[in-house]
Protein backbone atom coordinates (compact mmCIF):
# COMPACT_ATOMS: atom_id res chain seq x y z
CA MET A 1 0.00 0.00 0.00
CA LYS A 2 1.32 3.42 -0.93
CA LEU A 3 1.13 5.88 1.93
CA ASN A 4 0.53 9.62 1.74
CA TYR A 5 3.00 12.13 3.15
CA PRO A 6 1.04 15.39 3.37
CA ASN A 7 2.86 16.51 6.51
CA PRO A 8 6.40 17.63 5.58
CA CYS A 9 7.44 17.85 9.23
CA ARG A 10 10.33 15.77 10.45
CA SER A 11 12.31 15.95 13.64
CA PHE A 12 15.69 14.88 14.94
CA ASP A 13 15.62 12.61 18.00
CA ALA A 14 19.04 13.19 19.58
CA SER A 15 18.59 10.51 22.25
CA SER A 16 18.26 7.81 19.57
CA SER A 17 20.26 9.45 16.74
CA ARG A 18 17.42 9.25 14.27
CA VAL A 19 14.98 11.32 12.25
CA CYS A 20 11.25 10.85 12.79
CA PHE A 21 8.56 11.46 10.17
CA TRP A 22 4.97 10.46 9.53
CA GLY A 23 2.98 8.87 6.74
CA TYR A 24 -0.73 8.27 6.48
CA GLY A 25 -2.67 5.21 5.35
CA SER A 26 -6.17 6.62 4.85
CA THR A 27 -6.82 8.21 8.26
CA ILE A 28 -4.21 6.30 10.27
CA GLU A 29 -0.94 8.02 11.16
CA ILE A 30 2.15 5.83 10.82
CA SER A 31 5.42 6.83 12.52
CA PHE A 32 8.75 6.15 10.84
CA PHE A 33 12.29 6.41 12.17
CA VAL A 34 15.44 6.62 10.07
CA GLY A 35 18.65 6.01 11.99
CA MET A 36 22.17 7.24 11.48
CA ASP A 37 23.34 4.08 9.66
CA ALA A 38 20.58 4.35 7.07
CA LEU A 39 21.16 8.07 6.54
CA LYS A 40 24.91 7.54 6.20
CA ARG A 41 24.25 4.90 3.55
CA LEU A 42 22.15 7.44 1.63
CA CYS A 43 24.46 10.42 2.25
CA PRO A 44 27.93 9.18 3.26
CA ASP A 45 29.29 12.70 3.81
CA MET A 46 26.58 13.78 6.25
CA SER A 47 27.55 15.55 9.45
CA ASP A 48 26.88 13.81 12.76
CA ALA A 49 25.23 16.98 14.08
CA GLY A 50 21.43 17.15 14.24
CA SER A 51 21.35 19.51 11.27
CA GLY A 52 23.39 16.97 9.28
CA PHE A 53 20.78 14.28 9.94
CA LEU A 54 17.99 16.58 8.75
CA GLN A 55 19.93 17.67 5.65
CA ALA A 56 20.64 14.05 4.72
CA PHE A 57 16.98 13.17 5.26
CA ASP A 58 15.82 16.06 3.08
CA ALA A 59 18.30 15.16 0.32
CA ALA A 60 17.04 11.56 0.18
CA LEU A 61 13.36 12.22 0.87
CA THR A 62 11.97 10.56 -2.27
CA ARG A 63 14.00 7.38 -1.68
CA ILE A 64 13.04 7.34 2.01
CA HIS A 65 9.34 7.55 1.15
CA GLU A 66 9.72 4.70 -1.38
CA VAL A 67 11.37 2.50 1.25
CA ALA A 68 8.79 3.49 3.88
CA ASP A 69 6.01 2.32 1.54
CA LYS A 70 7.74 -1.05 1.06
CA VAL A 71 8.48 -1.57 4.76
CA TYR A 72 4.91 -0.67 5.67
CA ALA A 73 3.49 -3.07 3.06
CA ARG A 74 5.74 -5.88 4.38
CA GLY A 75 4.78 -5.20 7.98
CA GLY A 76 1.05 -5.55 7.55
CA LYS A 77 -1.55 -3.51 9.32
CA GLY A 78 -0.74 -4.40 12.94
CA SER A 79 1.92 -1.81 13.65
CA TYR A 80 1.90 1.96 13.55
CA ALA A 81 5.65 2.56 13.97
CA TYR A 82 8.51 1.38 11.77
CA THR A 83 12.26 1.81 11.75
CA LEU A 84 13.93 2.06 8.34
CA ALA A 85 17.25 0.25 8.66
CA ALA A 86 20.35 0.63 6.49
CA GLU A 87 19.60 -2.80 4.96
CA ASP A 88 16.30 -1.44 3.66
CA PHE A 89 18.12 0.93 1.34
């Protein structure tokens, strides 16, 4: 199932070194997390600072959404939070 991403907001979670964003399957909000390893795979030169995480996320946004759709489809309908791992990319 292809999700919608009408909310462009994303945030950096410093305690877990990841970026959080949200997709929507009809009216259900799905949380996604993209960790440092996945972002470094997408943007090897990214900075380890919070702004570096967000810049890498923004640069790879289309690819991240594609992978989020695939991970969500694999995971079924039972979960509302997914982590996108480096292996997913």
